[in-house]
Amino acid sequence: MLTSITTFLTSLSPNIWVYALLRFASGFVRCGIGIGSLVLATEAVRRKWRGQVGQYGFFQFTNGFLTLISIVYPYRTNWRKIYQVISIFPLVYSVLVIPFISESPRWLAVKGRKKEALDVLRRYARLNGKELPQNINLSEPSSGHNKISLWSTKWAAARMILQEWATARMKQDTNS
């Protein structure tokens, strides 16, 4: 929603300073969209499907760039009109998607709002044609983690080793 507002206001910029300020504001309000969308989308599916679901957003990002040319071509001589046309898409997307977005059940559980977390999980189950057992309880979130817990499972250890190796290679490449 804020992306639409800042993009539309950019089209009304009277000078370069206001334009620059509004572009900064637009970038600022957009900075968390990607990671927030990824987390909310992947949290609602089983681990098996998280990789695929995580990629769908990137495909749509690419589709947006590829179709942008055909959408704004009629306005190619008027940058203000281009910004106005572009500002419509995030607004429409927000209006269509907001009714289907739930707060993260993990976040709710960590914050002690277990009833709300269970309501969200029941909604997810209903959307998948399933039903949660009536006697389900959420366990207490762990009080904290330490560095040793990163190595506790094979997949986590493999990722940590790969990450450490990649970091060492990047440092080596930049120092040479």
Protein backbone atom coordinates (compact mmCIF):
# COMPACT_ATOMS: atom_id res chain seq x y z
CA MET A 1 0.00 0.00 0.00
CA LEU A 2 2.78 2.43 0.95
CA THR A 3 4.63 1.48 -2.22
CA SER A 4 1.65 2.66 -4.28
CA ILE A 5 1.38 5.90 -2.35
CA THR A 6 5.06 6.80 -2.60
CA THR A 7 5.20 5.83 -6.28
CA PHE A 8 2.16 7.94 -7.12
CA LEU A 9 3.47 10.90 -5.12
CA THR A 10 6.75 10.62 -7.04
CA SER A 11 4.82 11.39 -10.21
CA LEU A 12 3.79 14.72 -8.65
CA SER A 13 7.34 15.78 -7.74
CA PRO A 14 7.88 19.50 -8.43
CA ASN A 15 11.71 19.24 -8.38
CA ILE A 16 14.63 16.83 -8.18
CA TRP A 17 14.90 17.06 -4.37
CA VAL A 18 11.31 15.99 -3.77
CA TYR A 19 11.73 13.30 -6.42
CA ALA A 20 14.86 11.95 -4.70
CA LEU A 21 13.19 12.03 -1.28
CA LEU A 22 10.14 10.14 -2.56
CA ARG A 23 12.29 7.56 -4.36
CA PHE A 24 14.18 7.02 -1.10
CA ALA A 25 10.86 6.66 0.75
CA SER A 26 9.65 4.20 -1.89
CA GLY A 27 12.78 2.09 -1.50
CA PHE A 28 12.54 2.30 2.27
CA VAL A 29 8.94 1.02 2.40
CA ARG A 30 9.74 -1.75 -0.08
CA CYS A 31 12.85 -3.08 1.65
CA GLY A 32 11.03 -5.70 3.74
CA ILE A 33 8.52 -6.86 1.17
CA GLY A 34 10.66 -9.61 -0.34
CA ILE A 35 11.76 -11.31 2.86
CA GLY A 36 8.37 -10.86 4.53
CA SER A 37 6.58 -12.40 1.57
CA LEU A 38 9.05 -15.26 1.43
CA VAL A 39 8.68 -16.06 5.13
CA LEU A 40 4.87 -15.88 5.12
CA ALA A 41 4.59 -17.99 1.97
CA THR A 42 7.03 -20.70 3.03
CA GLU A 43 5.78 -20.88 6.59
CA ALA A 44 2.38 -22.08 5.41
CA VAL A 45 3.67 -25.16 3.58
CA ARG A 46 5.53 -28.33 4.54
CA ARG A 47 9.33 -28.32 4.45
CA LYS A 48 9.23 -30.45 1.29
CA TRP A 49 7.57 -27.62 -0.68
CA ARG A 50 9.32 -24.58 0.81
CA GLY A 51 11.98 -24.36 -1.90
CA GLN A 52 9.44 -24.38 -4.70
CA VAL A 53 7.06 -21.96 -2.99
CA GLY A 54 9.97 -19.65 -2.26
CA GLN A 55 10.82 -19.52 -5.96
CA TYR A 56 7.32 -18.53 -7.11
CA GLY A 57 7.77 -14.98 -5.87
CA PHE A 58 10.99 -14.62 -7.84
CA PHE A 59 9.28 -15.86 -11.00
CA GLN A 60 6.58 -13.25 -10.55
CA PHE A 61 9.22 -10.57 -9.99
CA THR A 62 10.78 -11.56 -13.33
CA ASN A 63 7.36 -11.62 -15.04
CA GLY A 64 6.71 -8.13 -13.72
CA PHE A 65 9.87 -6.77 -15.28
CA LEU A 66 9.22 -8.52 -18.58
CA THR A 67 5.64 -7.27 -18.87
CA LEU A 68 6.43 -3.77 -17.62
CA ILE A 69 7.64 -2.70 -21.05
CA SER A 70 4.37 -3.55 -22.77
CA ILE A 71 2.33 -1.88 -20.03
CA VAL A 72 4.17 1.46 -19.98
CA TYR A 73 5.08 1.66 -23.69
CA PRO A 74 2.09 3.89 -24.55
CA TYR A 75 3.34 6.41 -21.96
CA ARG A 76 7.02 6.29 -22.93
CA THR A 77 7.26 10.07 -23.38
CA ASN A 78 5.66 10.95 -20.03
CA TRP A 79 7.57 9.70 -16.98
CA ARG A 80 4.91 11.05 -14.62
CA LYS A 81 2.22 8.97 -16.29
CA ILE A 82 4.47 5.90 -16.11
CA TYR A 83 4.80 6.32 -12.34
CA GLN A 84 1.03 6.74 -12.01
CA VAL A 85 0.34 3.58 -14.02
CA ILE A 86 2.95 1.59 -12.10
CA SER A 87 1.50 2.74 -8.76
CA ILE A 88 -1.77 0.97 -9.54
CA PHE A 89 -0.31 -2.56 -9.47
CA PRO A 90 0.89 -2.70 -5.84
CA LEU A 91 -2.42 -1.19 -4.74
CA VAL A 92 -4.49 -3.80 -6.60
CA TYR A 93 -2.21 -6.57 -5.33
CA SER A 94 -2.56 -5.34 -1.74
CA VAL A 95 -6.34 -5.16 -1.95
CA LEU A 96 -6.54 -8.68 -3.39
CA VAL A 97 -4.02 -10.32 -1.04
CA ILE A 98 -4.62 -8.67 2.35
CA PRO A 99 -7.75 -10.72 3.16
CA PHE A 100 -5.72 -13.93 2.80
CA ILE A 101 -2.68 -12.93 4.87
CA SER A 102 -2.39 -14.23 8.41
CA GLU A 103 0.09 -13.32 11.09
CA SER A 104 2.91 -15.82 11.38
CA PRO A 105 1.84 -18.64 13.73
CA ARG A 106 5.45 -19.04 14.87
CA TRP A 107 5.71 -15.37 15.73
CA LEU A 108 2.39 -15.48 17.57
CA ALA A 109 3.51 -18.52 19.57
CA VAL A 110 6.83 -16.92 20.50
CA LYS A 111 4.97 -13.81 21.67
CA GLY A 112 2.72 -15.95 23.89
CA ARG A 113 -0.39 -15.50 21.74
CA LYS A 114 -1.05 -19.23 21.43
CA LYS A 115 -4.81 -19.00 20.88
CA GLU A 116 -4.27 -16.75 17.86
CA ALA A 117 -1.50 -19.05 16.59
CA LEU A 118 -3.86 -22.03 16.81
CA ASP A 119 -6.57 -20.07 14.98
CA VAL A 120 -4.13 -19.38 12.13
CA LEU A 121 -3.07 -23.04 12.02
CA ARG A 122 -6.73 -24.12 11.91
CA ARG A 123 -7.29 -21.72 9.03
CA TYR A 124 -4.29 -23.19 7.17
CA ALA A 125 -5.63 -26.69 7.78
CA ARG A 126 -9.11 -25.71 6.57
CA LEU A 127 -7.63 -24.22 3.37
CA ASN A 128 -5.85 -27.55 2.80
CA GLY A 129 -9.01 -29.59 3.38
CA LYS A 130 -7.78 -30.90 6.73
CA GLU A 131 -8.79 -30.45 10.33
CA LEU A 132 -6.55 -29.99 13.35
CA PRO A 133 -7.21 -32.25 16.33
CA GLN A 134 -9.27 -30.54 19.04
CA ASN A 135 -6.77 -31.45 21.77
CA ILE A 136 -3.76 -29.86 20.04
CA ASN A 137 -1.45 -27.73 22.16
CA LEU A 138 1.49 -25.60 21.18
CA SER A 139 4.70 -26.31 23.03
CA GLU A 140 6.65 -23.59 24.74
CA PRO A 141 9.20 -22.03 22.42
CA SER A 142 12.77 -22.75 23.41
CA SER A 143 14.30 -20.12 25.62
CA GLY A 144 17.29 -19.65 23.42
CA HIS A 145 19.86 -21.20 21.20
CA ASN A 146 23.58 -21.35 21.27
CA LYS A 147 26.15 -21.82 18.55
CA ILE A 148 26.41 -25.53 19.22
CA SER A 149 22.74 -26.06 18.27
CA LEU A 150 23.60 -24.96 14.72
CA TRP A 151 25.59 -28.19 14.36
CA SER A 152 23.01 -30.51 15.97
CA THR A 153 21.48 -31.95 12.78
CA LYS A 154 23.10 -33.19 9.57
CA TRP A 155 21.34 -30.73 7.28
CA ALA A 156 22.18 -27.77 9.54
CA ALA A 157 25.80 -28.87 9.85
CA ALA A 158 26.09 -29.29 6.07
CA ARG A 159 24.69 -25.80 5.51
CA MET A 160 27.01 -24.30 8.09
CA ILE A 161 30.05 -25.96 6.49
CA LEU A 162 28.98 -24.75 3.04
CA GLN A 163 28.39 -21.23 4.35
CA GLU A 164 31.76 -21.13 6.10
CA TRP A 165 33.50 -22.43 2.98
CA ALA A 166 31.76 -19.85 0.73
CA THR A 167 32.60 -17.03 3.14
CA ALA A 168 36.25 -18.10 3.29
CA ARG A 169 36.41 -18.24 -0.53
CA MET A 170 34.90 -14.76 -0.88
CA LYS A 171 37.36 -13.35 1.65
CA GLN A 172 40.22 -15.07 -0.15
CA ASP A 173 39.08 -13.70 -3.53
CA THR A 174 38.75 -10.14 -2.24
CA ASN A 175 42.18 -10.23 -0.56
CA SER A 176 44.00 -11.45 -3.65
